[in-house]
C-alpha cells in the first residue's frame, strides 16, 4: 500500500539510518543512490593491494553521544582508534591542534600548562565581536601561529580568506595548554572493525529495504506512488537551482600504494598548510590497525568544481539557503536531512542524530495520516 512505501534518495549516513528505522517500523523502503555503491562519502573498500582505504578521504568516527554509538554498534564491532594529526611548518612536523608541545617545539620553550596559558594570553589579538574564522584564530593564538598553521591551509581548503568564512569553521579546532595530542577528545572514538561499507551493508540488510545504486532521483517517474520521500542530496538541486546554486567546496583524491613501505608517516594524517597543492596526506593503516607489508595513502586536493563535499559557511549562502528552506517547509511528504540537504557542516554522528529525529517525525506523520 502507498501509505507504507518510502523512497529514500541517498544511501549515506542520513538515508541509511532512516531506511533502517522505517523498515523496522514496518514500512517498505526503496533506497536509491546515483553512485554505484552504498555508504556515501564514507564508502571504503579493499584496494588492489589488499589495504582497506576510504575512497573519498578519511572518515574518523567520534561522538560524545552514547545513544548514537550504541545505535551504530548494532551494525558493527569497533576498532579503538584515536586520531592524531601533525602539521608541517618549515619542513618540521608539530602536533595539531596546537598544544603545549607545539609551542615548546616550535619556539624552543619549556612551558608548563600555566605558562602556555600565559603565553597564549600575551600573543593573542583580542577580537570583539568574533565574526570570522580569522577573528577566532587571532583571538585565540595570535598572528604568528595563525600564519603558520591556519592562513594558507584555509586558503587552500576553502578558496577564501579566513576573514571571509564564518567563525564556526575555525571554532571546530581547539587550542590546548596541555599535551593532549588527540585531534578529537570525544568519549567514543573508534572505527568500524570491518569498514564503513560493511556497517552500511548490515544497516540496510532488512527484508523491507530494496536498494538500487547507479540510479538518479531525476529519473524516478512514479514519485506519487510513495507515501513519503526522504531526500539527502543538495537541497538546491531538488528545486532545480531555482534561486541559484548553493556554493560547495569539492575535493579530488590522489590514492597511492607504497610497496615495501610498512609505515609512511608517524600518525594517521599530516597537514601541509604552507606547502604543496594538497592539504593533507592520510595513511589508512593507522586508522584501521591493519597489518600489511606495504601501505596506502591519499592526498587531498580542494577544488571549486566536482561533487559537493563542504557547504561554505558565509552569510550570503545562509540567506540563499533560507529561500530554499521556505520551499521545503511547504512540503508535507518530503523530508530533507543530511549535510547536503540541510546545508550544514555536520560530523557523521550529527548526521545520524538528525536522521534518527527525522525518522521519528516521519513515523508520527505516517501514523497521523493512516
Protein backbone atom coordinates (compact mmCIF):
# COMPACT_ATOMS: atom_id res chain seq x y z
CA UNK A 1 0.00 0.00 0.00
CA UNK A 2 1.15 3.53 -0.76
CA UNK A 3 0.92 4.59 2.88
CA UNK A 4 3.80 2.21 3.72
CA UNK A 5 6.03 2.96 0.72
CA UNK A 6 9.01 5.23 1.30
CA UNK A 7 11.56 6.49 -1.23
CA UNK A 8 14.95 7.42 0.19
CA UNK A 9 17.35 9.32 -2.02
CA UNK A 10 20.92 8.67 -0.91
CA UNK A 11 22.48 5.67 0.85
CA UNK A 12 24.86 7.55 3.13
CA UNK A 13 24.52 8.03 6.88
CA UNK A 14 21.28 10.00 6.74
CA UNK A 15 19.47 7.86 4.20
CA UNK A 16 20.62 4.52 5.57
CA UNK A 17 19.75 5.38 9.17
CA UNK A 18 16.25 6.49 8.23
CA UNK A 19 15.83 3.47 5.94
CA UNK A 20 16.59 1.08 8.77
CA UNK A 21 14.37 2.90 11.26
CA UNK A 22 11.39 2.96 8.91
CA UNK A 23 11.95 -0.62 7.78
CA UNK A 24 11.97 -1.73 11.42
CA UNK A 25 8.68 0.14 11.82
CA UNK A 26 7.10 -1.92 9.00
CA UNK A 27 7.50 0.45 6.06
CA UNK A 28 8.53 -0.74 2.61
CA UNK A 29 11.63 1.27 1.85
CA UNK A 30 13.20 1.87 -1.56
CA UNK A 31 16.72 3.32 -1.33
CA UNK A 32 18.39 4.79 -4.41
CA UNK A 33 21.82 6.32 -4.88
CA UNK A 34 23.28 7.80 -8.03
CA UNK A 35 26.71 6.40 -7.19
CA UNK A 36 27.42 2.73 -7.94
CA UNK A 37 27.70 1.91 -4.23
CA UNK A 38 26.15 2.50 -0.82
CA UNK A 39 27.76 4.30 2.18
CA UNK A 40 28.04 7.74 0.57
CA UNK A 41 31.31 9.54 1.19
CA UNK A 42 32.14 7.03 3.94
CA UNK A 43 32.48 4.27 1.32
CA UNK A 44 35.57 2.16 1.84
CA UNK A 45 36.94 -0.88 0.04
CA UNK A 46 39.97 -3.13 -0.20
CA UNK A 47 42.31 -1.64 -2.80
CA UNK A 48 44.22 -3.64 -5.41
CA UNK A 49 46.99 -4.24 -2.90
CA UNK A 50 44.84 -5.62 -0.09
CA UNK A 51 44.54 -2.50 2.08
CA UNK A 52 41.24 -1.04 3.28
CA UNK A 53 41.04 2.54 2.01
CA UNK A 54 38.47 5.33 2.19
CA UNK A 55 37.79 6.31 -1.41
CA UNK A 56 36.51 9.81 -0.53
CA UNK A 57 39.08 10.76 2.06
CA UNK A 58 39.45 9.78 5.72
CA UNK A 59 36.35 9.38 7.85
CA UNK A 60 37.16 9.27 11.55
CA UNK A 61 34.25 8.35 13.77
CA UNK A 62 33.93 10.14 17.10
CA UNK A 63 30.99 11.14 19.29
CA UNK A 64 30.03 12.12 22.80
CA UNK A 65 26.62 10.54 22.34
CA UNK A 66 26.31 7.11 23.93
CA UNK A 67 22.93 6.73 22.23
CA UNK A 68 24.39 7.18 18.74
CA UNK A 69 27.40 4.98 19.45
CA UNK A 70 25.15 2.20 20.76
CA UNK A 71 22.84 2.59 17.77
CA UNK A 72 25.66 2.08 15.27
CA UNK A 73 27.03 -0.76 17.41
CA UNK A 74 24.02 -2.77 16.29
CA UNK A 75 25.63 -2.92 12.85
CA UNK A 76 29.36 -3.11 13.53
CA UNK A 77 32.02 -4.10 16.01
CA UNK A 78 34.69 -1.47 16.57
CA UNK A 79 38.44 -0.97 16.33
CA UNK A 80 39.51 1.55 19.00
CA UNK A 81 41.29 4.47 17.37
CA UNK A 82 42.20 7.97 18.50
CA UNK A 83 43.13 10.21 15.59
CA UNK A 84 46.36 12.18 15.71
CA UNK A 85 47.47 14.87 13.27
CA UNK A 86 50.76 16.66 12.65
CA UNK A 87 51.14 19.97 10.84
CA UNK A 88 54.23 20.69 8.74
CA UNK A 89 55.77 24.14 9.21
CA UNK A 90 59.14 24.95 7.61
CA UNK A 91 59.78 21.27 6.97
CA UNK A 92 59.17 20.12 10.54
CA UNK A 93 56.17 18.30 11.99
CA UNK A 94 54.30 19.65 15.01
CA UNK A 95 51.27 18.39 16.98
CA UNK A 96 47.99 19.79 15.70
CA UNK A 97 45.63 21.09 17.06
CA UNK A 98 48.12 23.40 18.72
CA UNK A 99 49.01 22.30 22.25
CA UNK A 100 51.79 22.96 24.75
CA UNK A 101 54.18 20.62 22.95
CA UNK A 102 53.59 22.56 19.72
CA UNK A 103 54.66 25.78 21.42
CA UNK A 104 57.69 24.26 23.11
CA UNK A 105 58.93 22.54 19.95
CA UNK A 106 58.22 25.45 17.63
CA UNK A 107 59.68 28.22 19.76
CA UNK A 108 62.26 26.32 21.83
CA UNK A 109 60.37 26.91 25.07
CA UNK A 110 59.80 24.84 28.19
CA UNK A 111 56.32 25.93 29.22
CA UNK A 112 54.15 24.15 31.75
CA UNK A 113 50.35 24.35 31.48
CA UNK A 114 50.09 27.68 33.29
CA UNK A 115 52.97 29.02 31.23
CA UNK A 116 51.25 28.00 27.99
CA UNK A 117 48.07 29.76 29.08
CA UNK A 118 50.06 32.91 29.86
CA UNK A 119 51.86 32.67 26.52
CA UNK A 120 48.58 32.47 24.59
CA UNK A 121 47.23 35.40 26.57
CA UNK A 122 50.26 37.52 25.64
CA UNK A 123 50.24 36.79 21.91
CA UNK A 124 46.51 36.72 21.23
CA UNK A 125 44.87 39.59 19.36
CA UNK A 126 41.54 40.24 21.12
CA UNK A 127 38.66 40.50 18.67
CA UNK A 128 35.22 41.75 19.63
CA UNK A 129 32.86 40.69 18.28
CA UNK A 130 34.21 37.41 16.90
CA UNK A 131 32.56 37.07 13.49
CA UNK A 132 35.00 35.34 11.14
CA UNK A 133 37.39 32.41 11.26
CA UNK A 134 40.25 34.90 11.24
CA UNK A 135 38.78 36.52 14.36
CA UNK A 136 38.56 33.14 16.10
CA UNK A 137 42.19 32.19 15.50
CA UNK A 138 43.76 35.59 16.17
CA UNK A 139 41.66 35.91 19.31
CA UNK A 140 42.97 32.54 20.47
CA UNK A 141 46.62 32.10 19.38
CA UNK A 142 47.78 35.36 17.81
CA UNK A 143 49.21 36.20 14.43
CA UNK A 144 52.33 34.04 14.14
CA UNK A 145 50.56 30.73 14.78
CA UNK A 146 47.67 31.93 12.62
CA UNK A 147 50.02 32.50 9.70
CA UNK A 148 51.98 29.29 10.25
CA UNK A 149 49.10 26.81 10.69
CA UNK A 150 45.79 28.35 9.58
CA UNK A 151 46.04 31.09 6.97
CA UNK A 152 47.33 29.17 3.95
CA UNK A 153 45.54 25.94 4.89
CA UNK A 154 42.23 27.83 4.90
CA UNK A 155 43.02 29.45 1.57
CA UNK A 156 43.65 26.03 0.03
CA UNK A 157 40.75 24.24 1.72
CA UNK A 158 38.06 26.84 1.08
CA UNK A 159 39.41 29.03 -1.71
CA UNK A 160 38.68 32.01 0.54
CA UNK A 161 40.41 34.15 3.13
CA UNK A 162 39.72 33.20 6.78
CA UNK A 163 38.15 36.65 7.14
CA UNK A 164 35.52 35.59 4.58
CA UNK A 165 34.39 32.48 6.49
CA UNK A 166 32.06 32.39 9.45
CA UNK A 167 33.57 31.84 12.88
CA UNK A 168 32.24 28.29 13.21
CA UNK A 169 34.79 26.87 10.75
CA UNK A 170 37.82 27.68 12.89
CA UNK A 171 35.91 27.18 16.13
CA UNK A 172 35.88 23.44 15.37
CA UNK A 173 39.63 23.32 16.07
CA UNK A 174 40.61 23.68 19.76
CA UNK A 175 43.73 25.18 21.28
CA UNK A 176 45.19 23.35 24.26
CA UNK A 177 47.51 24.30 27.10
CA UNK A 178 48.09 20.62 27.98
CA UNK A 179 49.92 17.97 25.93
CA UNK A 180 46.86 16.09 24.66
CA UNK A 181 47.73 15.41 21.02
CA UNK A 182 44.48 13.71 20.04
CA UNK A 183 42.61 15.50 17.27
CA UNK A 184 39.30 14.71 18.97
CA UNK A 185 38.56 14.36 22.68
CA UNK A 186 35.12 12.73 22.36
CA UNK A 187 34.10 9.95 24.75
CA UNK A 188 33.65 7.42 21.95
CA UNK A 189 36.38 7.18 19.31
CA UNK A 190 36.60 4.10 17.11
CA UNK A 191 36.49 2.83 13.54
CA UNK A 192 34.08 0.19 12.21
CA UNK A 193 36.04 -3.04 12.61
CA UNK A 194 35.32 -4.34 9.12
CA UNK A 195 34.94 -0.94 7.48
CA UNK A 196 32.15 1.55 6.87
CA UNK A 197 30.77 -0.20 3.80
CA UNK A 198 30.23 -3.41 5.77
CA UNK A 199 28.49 -1.43 8.51
CA UNK A 200 26.15 0.10 5.91
CA UNK A 201 25.51 -3.30 4.37
CA UNK A 202 24.40 -4.55 7.79
CA UNK A 203 22.26 -1.47 8.35
CA UNK A 204 20.47 -1.92 5.03
CA UNK A 205 20.13 -5.70 5.34
CA UNK A 206 16.42 -5.87 6.01
CA UNK A 207 13.56 -7.62 4.16
CA UNK A 208 11.68 -4.30 3.94
CA UNK A 209 14.57 -2.49 2.23
CA UNK A 210 15.23 -2.55 -1.52
CA UNK A 211 18.44 -0.89 -2.76
CA UNK A 212 19.24 0.41 -6.23
CA UNK A 213 22.58 2.04 -6.95
CA UNK A 214 23.52 3.94 -10.07
CA UNK A 215 20.03 5.49 -10.08
CA UNK A 216 19.47 9.25 -10.20
CA UNK A 217 16.48 10.78 -8.44
CA UNK A 218 15.77 12.83 -11.57
CA UNK A 219 14.99 9.59 -13.41
CA UNK A 220 12.34 8.38 -10.94
CA UNK A 221 8.99 8.80 -12.65
CA UNK A 222 6.49 7.35 -10.17
CA UNK A 223 7.12 9.64 -7.20
CA UNK A 224 3.40 9.84 -6.48
CA UNK A 225 3.35 6.12 -5.67
CA UNK A 226 5.33 6.77 -2.47
CA UNK A 227 3.79 7.99 0.76
CA UNK A 228 6.93 9.91 1.67
CA UNK A 229 10.27 10.91 0.14
CA UNK A 230 13.46 11.34 2.16
CA UNK A 231 15.94 13.47 0.22
CA UNK A 232 19.58 13.65 1.33
CA UNK A 233 21.09 15.35 -1.73
CA UNK A 234 21.71 19.08 -2.20
CA UNK A 235 18.52 20.97 -1.41
CA UNK A 236 19.11 23.45 -4.24
CA UNK A 237 19.36 20.59 -6.75
CA UNK A 238 15.98 19.24 -5.59
CA UNK A 239 14.42 22.54 -6.65
CA UNK A 240 16.34 22.77 -9.91
CA UNK A 241 18.58 25.55 -8.53
CA UNK A 242 15.56 27.85 -8.75
CA UNK A 243 17.20 30.67 -6.81
CA UNK A 244 20.77 29.88 -7.86
CA UNK A 245 23.31 27.33 -6.73
CA UNK A 246 24.37 26.98 -3.14
CA UNK A 247 28.19 27.03 -3.14
CA UNK A 248 30.06 23.90 -2.10
CA UNK A 249 33.73 23.09 -1.81
CA UNK A 250 34.81 19.90 -3.53
CA UNK A 251 37.82 17.60 -3.32
CA UNK A 252 39.85 15.36 -5.56
CA UNK A 253 41.82 12.42 -4.21
CA UNK A 254 45.17 11.02 -5.24
CA UNK A 255 45.49 7.48 -3.91
CA UNK A 256 48.90 5.81 -3.89
CA UNK A 257 50.23 2.47 -2.71
CA UNK A 258 53.78 2.23 -1.45
CA UNK A 259 55.04 -1.34 -1.81
CA UNK A 260 57.52 -2.49 0.81
CA UNK A 261 56.90 0.59 2.98
CA UNK A 262 55.39 -0.57 6.26
CA UNK A 263 54.78 2.98 7.54
CA UNK A 264 54.85 6.22 5.55
CA UNK A 265 54.21 8.75 8.32
CA UNK A 266 54.08 8.66 12.14
CA UNK A 267 50.37 9.45 12.52
CA UNK A 268 47.14 8.98 10.59
CA UNK A 269 47.11 12.41 8.95
CA UNK A 270 49.77 15.02 8.25
CA UNK A 271 48.63 18.52 7.27
CA UNK A 272 50.57 20.67 4.81
CA UNK A 273 49.27 24.19 5.40
CA UNK A 274 52.00 26.04 3.50
CA UNK A 275 53.45 23.54 1.03
CA UNK A 276 52.01 21.70 -1.98
CA UNK A 277 48.63 21.97 -3.67
CA UNK A 278 47.18 19.27 -1.40
CA UNK A 279 46.11 19.99 2.16
CA UNK A 280 46.91 16.69 3.85
CA UNK A 281 48.06 13.10 3.47
CA UNK A 282 46.32 10.26 5.29
CA UNK A 283 47.79 6.79 5.79
CA UNK A 284 44.96 4.30 6.23
CA UNK A 285 46.71 1.59 8.23
CA UNK A 286 46.89 3.95 11.21
CA UNK A 287 43.09 4.27 11.11
CA UNK A 288 42.22 0.60 10.67
CA UNK A 289 45.03 -1.13 12.54
CA UNK A 290 45.54 -3.36 9.52
CA UNK A 291 48.81 -5.27 9.22
CA UNK A 292 50.38 -5.27 5.75
CA UNK A 293 53.95 -5.13 4.38
CA UNK A 294 53.03 -2.13 2.21
CA UNK A 295 50.94 0.94 2.86
CA UNK A 296 48.31 3.03 1.06
CA UNK A 297 47.93 6.79 1.34
CA UNK A 298 45.70 9.51 -0.07
CA UNK A 299 46.42 13.15 -0.84
CA UNK A 300 43.50 15.60 -0.79
CA UNK A 301 43.24 18.47 -3.25
CA UNK A 302 40.47 21.01 -2.56
CA UNK A 303 38.76 22.39 -5.64
CA UNK A 304 35.81 24.52 -6.67
CA UNK A 305 34.21 22.07 -9.10
CA UNK A 306 33.15 18.48 -8.55
CA UNK A 307 30.96 16.55 -6.14
CA UNK A 308 29.68 18.71 -3.28
CA UNK A 309 31.51 17.96 -0.02
CA UNK A 310 31.54 21.01 2.21
CA UNK A 311 28.82 23.66 2.46
CA UNK A 312 30.59 27.02 2.54
CA UNK A 313 29.55 28.89 5.72
CA UNK A 314 29.02 32.52 4.73
CA UNK A 315 26.17 34.90 5.49
CA UNK A 316 25.10 35.24 1.85
CA UNK A 317 24.93 31.45 1.50
CA UNK A 318 22.79 31.21 4.63
CA UNK A 319 20.44 33.79 3.12
CA UNK A 320 20.13 31.75 -0.08
CA UNK A 321 19.57 28.59 1.96
CA UNK A 322 16.67 30.20 3.79
CA UNK A 323 14.89 30.73 0.46
CA UNK A 324 15.15 27.02 -0.28
CA UNK A 325 14.14 26.14 3.28
CA UNK A 326 10.94 28.12 2.81
CA UNK A 327 10.08 25.89 -0.14
CA UNK A 328 10.97 22.79 1.89
CA UNK A 329 8.69 23.81 4.76
CA UNK A 330 5.73 23.69 2.37
CA UNK A 331 6.49 20.04 1.50
CA UNK A 332 4.24 17.77 3.56
CA UNK A 333 5.54 14.50 2.17
CA UNK A 334 9.24 15.24 1.69
CA UNK A 335 11.91 15.27 4.42
CA UNK A 336 15.28 16.91 3.84
CA UNK A 337 18.06 15.60 6.07
CA UNK A 338 21.85 15.40 5.96
CA UNK A 339 24.84 17.62 5.29
CA UNK A 340 23.79 18.49 1.74
CA UNK A 341 20.03 18.62 2.24
CA UNK A 342 20.37 20.86 5.28
CA UNK A 343 23.49 22.68 4.06
CA UNK A 344 25.22 22.06 7.38
CA UNK A 345 28.82 21.18 8.21
CA UNK A 346 27.77 18.03 10.11
CA UNK A 347 30.04 15.40 11.58
CA UNK A 348 28.98 11.79 10.98
CA UNK A 349 27.43 11.38 14.43
CA UNK A 350 25.47 14.58 13.96
CA UNK A 351 24.03 13.23 10.71
CA UNK A 352 22.96 10.03 12.47
CA UNK A 353 21.37 12.08 15.25
CA UNK A 354 19.48 14.25 12.76
CA UNK A 355 18.37 11.14 10.86
CA UNK A 356 17.02 9.43 13.99
CA UNK A 357 14.99 12.55 14.82
CA UNK A 358 13.71 12.76 11.24
CA UNK A 359 12.74 9.07 11.22
CA UNK A 360 10.66 9.54 14.36
CA UNK A 361 8.86 12.53 12.82
CA UNK A 362 8.16 10.58 9.64
CA UNK A 363 6.70 7.69 11.65
CA UNK A 364 4.46 10.11 13.53
CA UNK A 365 3.42 11.79 10.29
CA UNK A 366 2.53 8.48 8.64
CA UNK A 367 0.62 7.32 11.72
CA UNK A 368 -1.38 10.55 11.78
CA UNK A 369 -2.33 10.10 8.12
CA UNK A 370 -3.48 6.49 8.49
